Amino acid sequence: MPSEQSFINLGAISARLLNELSMSVRTIIPESVETWKLNSSSLIRDGKEPEVVAKVKKWAEGGSAFLYFLSLSQNDKLAEIEAAFSLSKAKENKERQYSRLNSHNTCLYVGSSRDLSKRLKEHLGFGQPKTYSLQLAQWAQPLSLELEFVCARYSSSTQGEILQTLEDTLWTSSKPMFGRRGSK
């Protein structure tokens, strides 16, 4: 049971654990990296999920640790994206949960997942409505955004703490327009 004494060596213990994590992360490299392109105009609310979901699912077979980002191919629509997201009637519908809006950036979202195709479906707006995600089909279809979904597949033995550290580092360096840094 923790006591007041627990705090005395907490800094030294934390430094040792962070150093061990640092050494573990240093050797991690992805098994494979892949990019898929899609256009938000193909995302029809309450429509059929796009073919890219099946392609991602096939690529992700046999893996269980993924780090990804979703980005724009162009940077001339950042203000339009913010306006469409902020003014969207879909956001007023409390049946769906939307990622937090940050500042303008061509990187829209950074994340990690153990079920990549399911997570992509959620971001595209065809998955679980109560999971925080971009829900693009609900508001981005008229913008005709050229998007890239870039994923890294890591060994299934990759520990959650290591994957989270990689995600946090990618998030910090990318400063995505949506979402938040840190574990769920």
N, C-alpha and C. Protein backbone atom coordinates (compact mmCIF):
# COMPACT_ATOMS: atom_id res chain seq x y z
N MET A 1 0.85 -1.18 0.00
CA MET A 1 0.00 0.00 0.00
C MET A 1 0.89 1.25 0.00
N PRO A 2 0.63 2.18 -0.90
CA PRO A 2 1.45 3.40 -0.95
C PRO A 2 1.31 4.22 0.33
N SER A 3 2.39 4.89 0.64
CA SER A 3 2.40 5.80 1.79
C SER A 3 3.12 7.07 1.36
N GLU A 4 3.27 7.99 2.28
CA GLU A 4 3.99 9.23 1.97
C GLU A 4 5.41 8.94 1.51
N GLN A 5 6.02 7.88 2.02
CA GLN A 5 7.38 7.48 1.66
C GLN A 5 7.48 7.09 0.18
N SER A 6 6.35 6.70 -0.40
CA SER A 6 6.34 6.27 -1.81
C SER A 6 6.84 7.37 -2.74
N PHE A 7 6.70 8.62 -2.34
CA PHE A 7 7.07 9.74 -3.20
C PHE A 7 8.56 10.07 -3.16
N ILE A 8 9.26 9.59 -2.17
CA ILE A 8 10.66 9.98 -1.99
C ILE A 8 11.54 9.52 -3.14
N ASN A 9 11.43 8.28 -3.57
CA ASN A 9 12.25 7.74 -4.66
C ASN A 9 11.49 7.66 -5.98
N LEU A 10 10.33 8.26 -6.03
CA LEU A 10 9.49 8.15 -7.23
C LEU A 10 10.18 8.70 -8.47
N GLY A 11 10.89 9.81 -8.35
CA GLY A 11 11.60 10.39 -9.49
C GLY A 11 12.66 9.46 -10.04
N ALA A 12 13.47 8.88 -9.16
CA ALA A 12 14.53 7.96 -9.59
C ALA A 12 13.95 6.70 -10.22
N ILE A 13 12.89 6.18 -9.62
CA ILE A 13 12.25 4.97 -10.17
C ILE A 13 11.66 5.29 -11.54
N SER A 14 11.00 6.43 -11.67
CA SER A 14 10.41 6.84 -12.96
C SER A 14 11.49 6.99 -14.02
N ALA A 15 12.61 7.60 -13.67
CA ALA A 15 13.71 7.77 -14.62
C ALA A 15 14.23 6.42 -15.10
N ARG A 16 14.37 5.46 -14.20
CA ARG A 16 14.84 4.12 -14.58
C ARG A 16 13.85 3.46 -15.54
N LEU A 17 12.54 3.55 -15.22
CA LEU A 17 11.53 2.94 -16.08
C LEU A 17 11.48 3.62 -17.45
N LEU A 18 11.60 4.93 -17.49
CA LEU A 18 11.62 5.65 -18.77
C LEU A 18 12.86 5.30 -19.59
N ASN A 19 13.98 5.13 -18.94
CA ASN A 19 15.20 4.72 -19.63
C ASN A 19 15.03 3.32 -20.24
N GLU A 20 14.42 2.41 -19.50
CA GLU A 20 14.16 1.06 -20.03
C GLU A 20 13.22 1.14 -21.24
N LEU A 21 12.19 1.96 -21.14
CA LEU A 21 11.26 2.14 -22.26
C LEU A 21 11.99 2.74 -23.46
N SER A 22 12.84 3.71 -23.22
CA SER A 22 13.62 4.34 -24.28
C SER A 22 14.47 3.31 -25.02
N MET A 23 15.11 2.44 -24.29
CA MET A 23 15.95 1.42 -24.91
C MET A 23 15.11 0.44 -25.72
N SER A 24 13.90 0.13 -25.25
CA SER A 24 13.02 -0.79 -25.97
C SER A 24 12.49 -0.17 -27.26
N VAL A 25 12.11 1.09 -27.20
CA VAL A 25 11.54 1.78 -28.37
C VAL A 25 12.59 1.97 -29.46
N ARG A 26 13.82 2.18 -29.05
CA ARG A 26 14.91 2.45 -29.99
C ARG A 26 15.06 1.36 -31.06
N THR A 27 14.75 0.13 -30.73
CA THR A 27 14.97 -0.99 -31.65
C THR A 27 13.74 -1.37 -32.46
N ILE A 28 12.63 -0.67 -32.27
CA ILE A 28 11.37 -1.02 -32.94
C ILE A 28 11.34 -0.45 -34.36
N ILE A 29 11.13 -1.31 -35.32
CA ILE A 29 10.93 -0.87 -36.70
C ILE A 29 9.71 -1.59 -37.25
N PRO A 30 8.97 -0.96 -38.14
CA PRO A 30 7.78 -1.62 -38.69
C PRO A 30 8.15 -2.79 -39.60
N GLU A 31 7.27 -3.76 -39.64
CA GLU A 31 7.42 -4.89 -40.57
C GLU A 31 7.08 -4.47 -41.99
N SER A 32 6.14 -3.53 -42.09
CA SER A 32 5.67 -3.08 -43.40
C SER A 32 5.01 -1.71 -43.25
N VAL A 33 5.10 -0.90 -44.30
CA VAL A 33 4.41 0.39 -44.34
C VAL A 33 3.68 0.47 -45.67
N GLU A 34 2.44 0.94 -45.63
CA GLU A 34 1.63 1.00 -46.85
C GLU A 34 0.82 2.30 -46.86
N THR A 35 0.51 2.79 -48.06
CA THR A 35 -0.29 4.00 -48.24
C THR A 35 -1.47 3.71 -49.15
N TRP A 36 -2.64 4.20 -48.78
CA TRP A 36 -3.84 4.10 -49.61
C TRP A 36 -4.37 5.50 -49.82
N LYS A 37 -4.82 5.77 -51.04
CA LYS A 37 -5.39 7.08 -51.37
C LYS A 37 -6.90 6.93 -51.54
N LEU A 38 -7.62 7.96 -51.13
CA LEU A 38 -9.06 7.98 -51.32
C LEU A 38 -9.52 9.43 -51.37
N ASN A 39 -10.73 9.64 -51.84
CA ASN A 39 -11.31 10.96 -51.93
C ASN A 39 -12.56 11.00 -51.08
N SER A 40 -12.72 12.06 -50.30
CA SER A 40 -13.89 12.15 -49.41
C SER A 40 -15.20 12.21 -50.19
N SER A 41 -15.17 12.55 -51.46
CA SER A 41 -16.41 12.58 -52.25
C SER A 41 -17.03 11.20 -52.41
N SER A 42 -16.24 10.14 -52.19
CA SER A 42 -16.77 8.78 -52.30
C SER A 42 -17.44 8.31 -51.01
N LEU A 43 -17.41 9.13 -49.98
CA LEU A 43 -17.96 8.75 -48.67
C LEU A 43 -19.39 9.26 -48.55
N ILE A 44 -20.34 8.39 -48.81
CA ILE A 44 -21.75 8.77 -48.78
C ILE A 44 -22.34 8.38 -47.43
N ARG A 45 -22.85 9.37 -46.72
CA ARG A 45 -23.47 9.10 -45.41
C ARG A 45 -24.53 8.01 -45.55
N ASP A 46 -24.48 7.03 -44.68
CA ASP A 46 -25.39 5.87 -44.68
C ASP A 46 -25.27 5.05 -45.96
N GLY A 47 -24.17 5.20 -46.67
CA GLY A 47 -23.96 4.44 -47.90
C GLY A 47 -23.07 3.24 -47.65
N LYS A 48 -22.59 2.68 -48.73
CA LYS A 48 -21.71 1.52 -48.68
C LYS A 48 -20.30 1.97 -48.32
N GLU A 49 -19.63 1.18 -47.48
CA GLU A 49 -18.27 1.55 -47.10
C GLU A 49 -17.35 1.44 -48.32
N PRO A 50 -16.36 2.30 -48.42
CA PRO A 50 -15.48 2.32 -49.59
C PRO A 50 -14.60 1.07 -49.68
N GLU A 51 -14.15 0.76 -50.89
CA GLU A 51 -13.31 -0.41 -51.15
C GLU A 51 -12.01 -0.40 -50.37
N VAL A 52 -11.52 0.78 -50.02
CA VAL A 52 -10.25 0.88 -49.32
C VAL A 52 -10.28 0.12 -48.00
N VAL A 53 -11.44 0.00 -47.37
CA VAL A 53 -11.55 -0.73 -46.10
C VAL A 53 -11.18 -2.19 -46.30
N ALA A 54 -11.67 -2.81 -47.37
CA ALA A 54 -11.34 -4.21 -47.65
C ALA A 54 -9.86 -4.37 -47.98
N LYS A 55 -9.29 -3.41 -48.70
CA LYS A 55 -7.86 -3.47 -49.03
C LYS A 55 -7.01 -3.38 -47.77
N VAL A 56 -7.38 -2.48 -46.87
CA VAL A 56 -6.65 -2.34 -45.60
C VAL A 56 -6.80 -3.60 -44.77
N LYS A 57 -7.99 -4.15 -44.73
CA LYS A 57 -8.23 -5.38 -43.95
C LYS A 57 -7.34 -6.51 -44.46
N LYS A 58 -7.25 -6.66 -45.77
CA LYS A 58 -6.42 -7.72 -46.35
C LYS A 58 -4.95 -7.51 -45.99
N TRP A 59 -4.46 -6.28 -46.11
CA TRP A 59 -3.07 -5.97 -45.79
C TRP A 59 -2.78 -6.21 -44.31
N ALA A 60 -3.75 -5.92 -43.45
CA ALA A 60 -3.55 -6.00 -42.01
C ALA A 60 -3.62 -7.42 -41.46
N GLU A 61 -4.05 -8.38 -42.27
CA GLU A 61 -4.15 -9.76 -41.80
C GLU A 61 -2.81 -10.25 -41.28
N GLY A 62 -2.86 -10.92 -40.16
CA GLY A 62 -1.63 -11.47 -39.59
C GLY A 62 -0.87 -10.51 -38.71
N GLY A 63 -1.31 -9.30 -38.61
CA GLY A 63 -0.67 -8.33 -37.75
C GLY A 63 -1.63 -7.86 -36.68
N SER A 64 -1.11 -7.29 -35.64
CA SER A 64 -2.04 -6.81 -34.62
C SER A 64 -1.57 -5.54 -33.92
N ALA A 65 -0.57 -4.89 -34.44
CA ALA A 65 -0.12 -3.62 -33.87
C ALA A 65 0.13 -2.65 -35.02
N PHE A 66 -0.68 -1.61 -35.08
CA PHE A 66 -0.61 -0.68 -36.20
C PHE A 66 -0.54 0.76 -35.72
N LEU A 67 0.25 1.54 -36.41
CA LEU A 67 0.34 2.98 -36.20
C LEU A 67 -0.02 3.61 -37.54
N TYR A 68 -0.83 4.67 -37.53
CA TYR A 68 -1.29 5.24 -38.79
C TYR A 68 -1.47 6.75 -38.68
N PHE A 69 -1.52 7.36 -39.85
CA PHE A 69 -1.97 8.75 -39.92
C PHE A 69 -2.79 8.93 -41.18
N LEU A 70 -3.70 9.88 -41.10
CA LEU A 70 -4.55 10.25 -42.22
C LEU A 70 -4.21 11.69 -42.55
N SER A 71 -3.85 11.94 -43.81
CA SER A 71 -3.43 13.29 -44.18
C SER A 71 -4.04 13.72 -45.50
N LEU A 72 -3.92 15.01 -45.76
CA LEU A 72 -4.39 15.61 -47.02
C LEU A 72 -3.26 15.62 -48.02
N SER A 73 -3.61 15.45 -49.29
CA SER A 73 -2.62 15.59 -50.35
C SER A 73 -2.41 17.05 -50.72
N GLN A 74 -3.36 17.91 -50.34
CA GLN A 74 -3.27 19.33 -50.66
C GLN A 74 -3.44 20.14 -49.38
N ASN A 75 -2.95 21.37 -49.37
CA ASN A 75 -3.09 22.19 -48.17
C ASN A 75 -3.96 23.42 -48.39
N ASP A 76 -4.64 23.49 -49.52
CA ASP A 76 -5.43 24.68 -49.83
C ASP A 76 -6.85 24.61 -49.28
N LYS A 77 -7.21 23.55 -48.57
CA LYS A 77 -8.58 23.40 -48.09
C LYS A 77 -8.69 23.39 -46.57
N LEU A 78 -7.65 23.81 -45.88
CA LEU A 78 -7.64 23.72 -44.42
C LEU A 78 -8.76 24.56 -43.79
N ALA A 79 -8.95 25.77 -44.26
CA ALA A 79 -10.02 26.62 -43.72
C ALA A 79 -11.39 26.03 -44.04
N GLU A 80 -11.53 25.47 -45.24
CA GLU A 80 -12.80 24.82 -45.61
C GLU A 80 -13.10 23.63 -44.70
N ILE A 81 -12.06 22.87 -44.39
CA ILE A 81 -12.23 21.70 -43.52
C ILE A 81 -12.71 22.14 -42.14
N GLU A 82 -12.04 23.14 -41.58
CA GLU A 82 -12.44 23.62 -40.26
C GLU A 82 -13.88 24.13 -40.27
N ALA A 83 -14.22 24.90 -41.30
CA ALA A 83 -15.58 25.45 -41.38
C ALA A 83 -16.61 24.33 -41.54
N ALA A 84 -16.35 23.38 -42.43
CA ALA A 84 -17.30 22.29 -42.65
C ALA A 84 -17.48 21.46 -41.38
N PHE A 85 -16.38 21.18 -40.70
CA PHE A 85 -16.46 20.40 -39.46
C PHE A 85 -17.20 21.18 -38.38
N SER A 86 -16.87 22.45 -38.22
CA SER A 86 -17.46 23.26 -37.16
C SER A 86 -18.94 23.55 -37.40
N LEU A 87 -19.31 23.73 -38.65
CA LEU A 87 -20.69 24.09 -38.98
C LEU A 87 -21.57 22.90 -39.30
N SER A 88 -20.99 21.72 -39.32
CA SER A 88 -21.70 20.52 -39.74
C SER A 88 -22.94 20.25 -38.88
N LYS A 89 -24.04 20.01 -39.55
CA LYS A 89 -25.26 19.59 -38.86
C LYS A 89 -25.07 18.20 -38.26
N ALA A 90 -24.18 17.43 -38.87
CA ALA A 90 -23.93 16.08 -38.36
C ALA A 90 -23.38 16.13 -36.94
N LYS A 91 -22.55 17.13 -36.65
CA LYS A 91 -21.99 17.25 -35.29
C LYS A 91 -23.07 17.52 -34.25
N GLU A 92 -24.13 18.17 -34.66
CA GLU A 92 -25.22 18.45 -33.73
C GLU A 92 -25.95 17.17 -33.35
N ASN A 93 -25.84 16.15 -34.20
CA ASN A 93 -26.45 14.86 -33.94
C ASN A 93 -25.62 14.17 -32.86
N LYS A 94 -26.15 14.04 -31.69
CA LYS A 94 -25.40 13.49 -30.55
C LYS A 94 -25.26 11.97 -30.62
N GLU A 95 -25.70 11.36 -31.71
CA GLU A 95 -25.56 9.92 -31.86
C GLU A 95 -24.14 9.52 -32.26
N ARG A 96 -23.33 10.46 -32.70
CA ARG A 96 -21.95 10.18 -33.10
C ARG A 96 -20.98 11.00 -32.26
N GLN A 97 -19.79 10.44 -32.07
CA GLN A 97 -18.74 11.11 -31.31
C GLN A 97 -17.64 11.53 -32.29
N TYR A 98 -17.25 12.79 -32.22
CA TYR A 98 -16.28 13.34 -33.15
C TYR A 98 -14.97 13.67 -32.46
N SER A 99 -13.88 13.52 -33.19
CA SER A 99 -12.56 13.90 -32.69
C SER A 99 -12.51 15.39 -32.42
N ARG A 100 -11.66 15.79 -31.52
CA ARG A 100 -11.48 17.19 -31.18
C ARG A 100 -10.75 17.91 -32.31
N LEU A 101 -11.19 19.14 -32.62
CA LEU A 101 -10.54 19.98 -33.63
C LEU A 101 -9.39 20.73 -32.97
N ASN A 102 -8.21 20.65 -33.58
CA ASN A 102 -7.03 21.36 -33.12
C ASN A 102 -6.77 22.52 -34.07
N SER A 103 -5.54 22.73 -34.49
CA SER A 103 -5.21 23.81 -35.42
C SER A 103 -5.02 23.27 -36.83
N HIS A 104 -5.00 24.16 -37.80
CA HIS A 104 -4.85 23.78 -39.21
C HIS A 104 -3.58 22.97 -39.44
N ASN A 105 -3.72 21.87 -40.16
CA ASN A 105 -2.57 21.06 -40.55
C ASN A 105 -3.01 20.07 -41.62
N THR A 106 -2.11 19.73 -42.51
CA THR A 106 -2.45 18.73 -43.54
C THR A 106 -2.49 17.33 -42.96
N CYS A 107 -1.86 17.10 -41.82
CA CYS A 107 -2.03 15.83 -41.12
C CYS A 107 -3.34 15.95 -40.35
N LEU A 108 -4.31 15.10 -40.69
CA LEU A 108 -5.62 15.20 -40.05
C LEU A 108 -5.68 14.44 -38.73
N TYR A 109 -5.05 13.26 -38.69
CA TYR A 109 -5.22 12.41 -37.50
C TYR A 109 -4.05 11.45 -37.39
N VAL A 110 -3.64 11.16 -36.17
CA VAL A 110 -2.61 10.17 -35.87
C VAL A 110 -3.21 9.20 -34.86
N GLY A 111 -2.98 7.91 -35.07
CA GLY A 111 -3.51 6.94 -34.12
C GLY A 111 -2.80 5.61 -34.19
N SER A 112 -3.20 4.73 -33.28
CA SER A 112 -2.73 3.35 -33.29
C SER A 112 -3.94 2.47 -33.05
N SER A 113 -3.82 1.23 -33.47
CA SER A 113 -4.95 0.32 -33.33
C SER A 113 -4.48 -1.12 -33.38
N ARG A 114 -5.24 -1.98 -32.75
CA ARG A 114 -5.02 -3.42 -32.86
C ARG A 114 -5.99 -4.01 -33.89
N ASP A 115 -6.96 -3.21 -34.34
CA ASP A 115 -7.91 -3.63 -35.39
C ASP A 115 -8.01 -2.50 -36.41
N LEU A 116 -7.10 -2.49 -37.34
CA LEU A 116 -6.91 -1.37 -38.25
C LEU A 116 -8.11 -1.10 -39.15
N SER A 117 -8.69 -2.13 -39.77
CA SER A 117 -9.79 -1.88 -40.70
C SER A 117 -11.02 -1.35 -39.95
N LYS A 118 -11.24 -1.82 -38.74
CA LYS A 118 -12.35 -1.31 -37.93
C LYS A 118 -12.13 0.16 -37.61
N ARG A 119 -10.91 0.52 -37.26
CA ARG A 119 -10.61 1.91 -36.92
C ARG A 119 -10.75 2.81 -38.14
N LEU A 120 -10.30 2.33 -39.31
CA LEU A 120 -10.47 3.10 -40.54
C LEU A 120 -11.95 3.33 -40.82
N LYS A 121 -12.76 2.29 -40.69
CA LYS A 121 -14.21 2.42 -40.90
C LYS A 121 -14.79 3.51 -40.01
N GLU A 122 -14.34 3.56 -38.75
CA GLU A 122 -14.84 4.59 -37.83
C GLU A 122 -14.46 5.98 -38.31
N HIS A 123 -13.22 6.16 -38.72
CA HIS A 123 -12.78 7.48 -39.20
C HIS A 123 -13.53 7.88 -40.47
N LEU A 124 -13.79 6.92 -41.33
CA LEU A 124 -14.51 7.23 -42.56
C LEU A 124 -15.99 7.48 -42.32
N GLY A 125 -16.51 7.08 -41.16
CA GLY A 125 -17.90 7.31 -40.81
C GLY A 125 -18.80 6.11 -41.03
N PHE A 126 -18.22 4.90 -41.09
CA PHE A 126 -18.99 3.69 -41.34
C PHE A 126 -18.88 2.68 -40.19
N GLY A 127 -18.34 3.11 -39.08
CA GLY A 127 -18.14 2.21 -37.95
C GLY A 127 -19.04 2.56 -36.79
N GLN A 128 -18.58 2.22 -35.61
CA GLN A 128 -19.33 2.50 -34.40
C GLN A 128 -19.50 4.01 -34.21
N PRO A 129 -20.73 4.50 -34.15
CA PRO A 129 -20.94 5.94 -34.04
C PRO A 129 -20.51 6.52 -32.69
N LYS A 130 -20.43 5.71 -31.65
CA LYS A 130 -20.09 6.22 -30.32
C LYS A 130 -18.59 6.24 -30.05
N THR A 131 -17.79 5.80 -31.02
CA THR A 131 -16.34 5.85 -30.87
C THR A 131 -15.83 7.17 -31.43
N TYR A 132 -15.03 7.88 -30.64
CA TYR A 132 -14.47 9.15 -31.11
C TYR A 132 -13.62 8.91 -32.35
N SER A 133 -13.97 9.58 -33.43
CA SER A 133 -13.24 9.45 -34.69
C SER A 133 -13.62 10.62 -35.59
N LEU A 134 -13.01 10.67 -36.77
CA LEU A 134 -13.27 11.77 -37.70
C LEU A 134 -14.69 11.75 -38.26
N GLN A 135 -15.26 10.56 -38.49
CA GLN A 135 -16.62 10.44 -39.02
C GLN A 135 -16.77 11.23 -40.33
N LEU A 136 -15.80 11.07 -41.23
CA LEU A 136 -15.72 11.89 -42.44
C LEU A 136 -16.97 11.85 -43.31
N ALA A 137 -17.62 10.71 -43.43
CA ALA A 137 -18.81 10.62 -44.28
C ALA A 137 -19.93 11.54 -43.80
N GLN A 138 -19.88 11.93 -42.55
CA GLN A 138 -20.93 12.76 -41.98
C GLN A 138 -20.79 14.25 -42.33
N TRP A 139 -19.58 14.67 -42.77
CA TRP A 139 -19.40 16.09 -43.01
C TRP A 139 -18.41 16.45 -44.14
N ALA A 140 -17.52 15.54 -44.54
CA ALA A 140 -16.45 15.92 -45.47
C ALA A 140 -16.72 15.56 -46.93
N GLN A 141 -17.77 14.85 -47.21
CA GLN A 141 -18.06 14.40 -48.58
C GLN A 141 -18.10 15.54 -49.59
N PRO A 142 -18.76 16.66 -49.31
CA PRO A 142 -18.83 17.74 -50.32
C PRO A 142 -17.49 18.43 -50.60
N LEU A 143 -16.50 18.24 -49.73
CA LEU A 143 -15.22 18.94 -49.89
C LEU A 143 -14.30 18.29 -50.92
N SER A 144 -14.57 17.05 -51.28
CA SER A 144 -13.75 16.32 -52.25
C SER A 144 -12.26 16.38 -51.87
N LEU A 145 -11.97 15.94 -50.66
CA LEU A 145 -10.60 15.96 -50.14
C LEU A 145 -9.81 14.76 -50.64
N GLU A 146 -8.62 15.03 -51.17
CA GLU A 146 -7.70 13.95 -51.54
C GLU A 146 -6.96 13.53 -50.27
N LEU A 147 -7.21 12.30 -49.83
CA LEU A 147 -6.69 11.81 -48.56
C LEU A 147 -5.70 10.68 -48.76
N GLU A 148 -4.76 10.58 -47.83
CA GLU A 148 -3.82 9.45 -47.79
C GLU A 148 -3.92 8.81 -46.41
N PHE A 149 -4.10 7.50 -46.39
CA PHE A 149 -4.11 6.73 -45.16
C PHE A 149 -2.80 5.94 -45.16
N VAL A 150 -1.89 6.30 -44.26
CA VAL A 150 -0.56 5.70 -44.23
C VAL A 150 -0.42 4.90 -42.93
N CYS A 151 -0.05 3.62 -43.09
CA CYS A 151 -0.01 2.71 -41.94
C CYS A 151 1.30 1.97 -41.84
N ALA A 152 1.72 1.74 -40.61
CA ALA A 152 2.88 0.90 -40.32
C ALA A 152 2.38 -0.29 -39.52
N ARG A 153 2.80 -1.48 -39.95
CA ARG A 153 2.44 -2.72 -39.23
C ARG A 153 3.65 -3.16 -38.42
N TYR A 154 3.42 -3.38 -37.14
CA TYR A 154 4.48 -3.82 -36.23
C TYR A 154 4.21 -5.25 -35.80
N SER A 155 5.22 -5.89 -35.28
CA SER A 155 5.10 -7.26 -34.79
C SER A 155 3.94 -7.35 -33.80
N SER A 156 3.25 -8.48 -33.83
CA SER A 156 2.14 -8.68 -32.90
C SER A 156 2.62 -8.74 -31.46
N SER A 157 3.91 -8.91 -31.25
CA SER A 157 4.45 -8.94 -29.89
C SER A 157 4.80 -7.54 -29.37
N THR A 158 4.56 -6.50 -30.17
CA THR A 158 4.85 -5.14 -29.74
C THR A 158 3.96 -4.77 -28.55
N GLN A 159 4.58 -4.39 -27.47
CA GLN A 159 3.86 -4.05 -26.25
C GLN A 159 3.08 -2.75 -26.43
N GLY A 160 1.94 -2.68 -25.76
CA GLY A 160 1.08 -1.49 -25.84
C GLY A 160 1.79 -0.22 -25.44
N GLU A 161 2.63 -0.28 -24.42
CA GLU A 161 3.36 0.89 -23.95
C GLU A 161 4.32 1.41 -25.02
N ILE A 162 4.91 0.49 -25.78
CA ILE A 162 5.83 0.89 -26.85
C ILE A 162 5.05 1.50 -28.01
N LEU A 163 3.94 0.88 -28.39
CA LEU A 163 3.12 1.42 -29.47
C LEU A 163 2.60 2.80 -29.10
N GLN A 164 2.19 2.99 -27.84
CA GLN A 164 1.69 4.28 -27.40
C GLN A 164 2.79 5.35 -27.46
N THR A 165 4.01 4.97 -27.09
CA THR A 165 5.13 5.92 -27.15
C THR A 165 5.41 6.33 -28.59
N LEU A 166 5.38 5.37 -29.51
CA LEU A 166 5.57 5.69 -30.93
C LEU A 166 4.46 6.62 -31.43
N GLU A 167 3.22 6.32 -31.04
CA GLU A 167 2.09 7.15 -31.45
C GLU A 167 2.24 8.57 -30.90
N ASP A 168 2.60 8.70 -29.64
CA ASP A 168 2.76 10.02 -29.03
C ASP A 168 3.85 10.82 -29.74
N THR A 169 4.92 10.15 -30.11
CA THR A 169 6.01 10.83 -30.81
C THR A 169 5.56 11.29 -32.20
N LEU A 170 4.85 10.42 -32.92
CA LEU A 170 4.31 10.81 -34.23
C LEU A 170 3.31 11.95 -34.09
N TRP A 171 2.49 11.90 -33.06
CA TRP A 171 1.49 12.96 -32.83
C TRP A 171 2.19 14.29 -32.58
N THR A 172 3.20 14.27 -31.71
CA THR A 172 3.92 15.50 -31.38
C THR A 172 4.62 16.10 -32.59
N SER A 173 5.21 15.25 -33.42
CA SER A 173 5.93 15.75 -34.59
C SER A 173 4.98 16.16 -35.72
N SER A 174 3.79 15.56 -35.79
CA SER A 174 2.84 15.83 -36.88
C SER A 174 1.84 16.94 -36.57
N LYS A 175 1.53 17.12 -35.30
CA LYS A 175 0.55 18.13 -34.87
C LYS A 175 -0.75 18.04 -35.68
N PRO A 176 -1.45 16.91 -35.61
CA PRO A 176 -2.63 16.72 -36.45
C PRO A 176 -3.76 17.71 -36.15
N MET A 177 -4.58 17.92 -37.15
CA MET A 177 -5.69 18.86 -37.08
C MET A 177 -6.78 18.36 -36.13
N PHE A 178 -6.90 17.04 -35.97
CA PHE A 178 -7.94 16.46 -35.13
C PHE A 178 -7.35 15.47 -34.14
N GLY A 179 -8.08 15.22 -33.08
CA GLY A 179 -7.70 14.21 -32.11
C GLY A 179 -6.97 14.79 -30.92
N ARG A 180 -6.35 13.88 -30.17
CA ARG A 180 -5.59 14.30 -29.01
C ARG A 180 -4.42 13.36 -28.80
N ARG A 181 -3.43 13.84 -28.10
CA ARG A 181 -2.25 13.05 -27.80
C ARG A 181 -2.54 12.24 -26.54
N GLY A 182 -2.00 11.04 -26.49
CA GLY A 182 -2.08 10.23 -25.27
C GLY A 182 -3.01 9.06 -25.40
N SER A 183 -2.92 8.19 -24.41
CA SER A 183 -3.72 6.98 -24.45
C SER A 183 -5.19 7.29 -24.26
N LYS A 184 -5.98 6.36 -24.71
CA LYS A 184 -7.43 6.53 -24.66
C LYS A 184 -7.85 6.45 -23.25
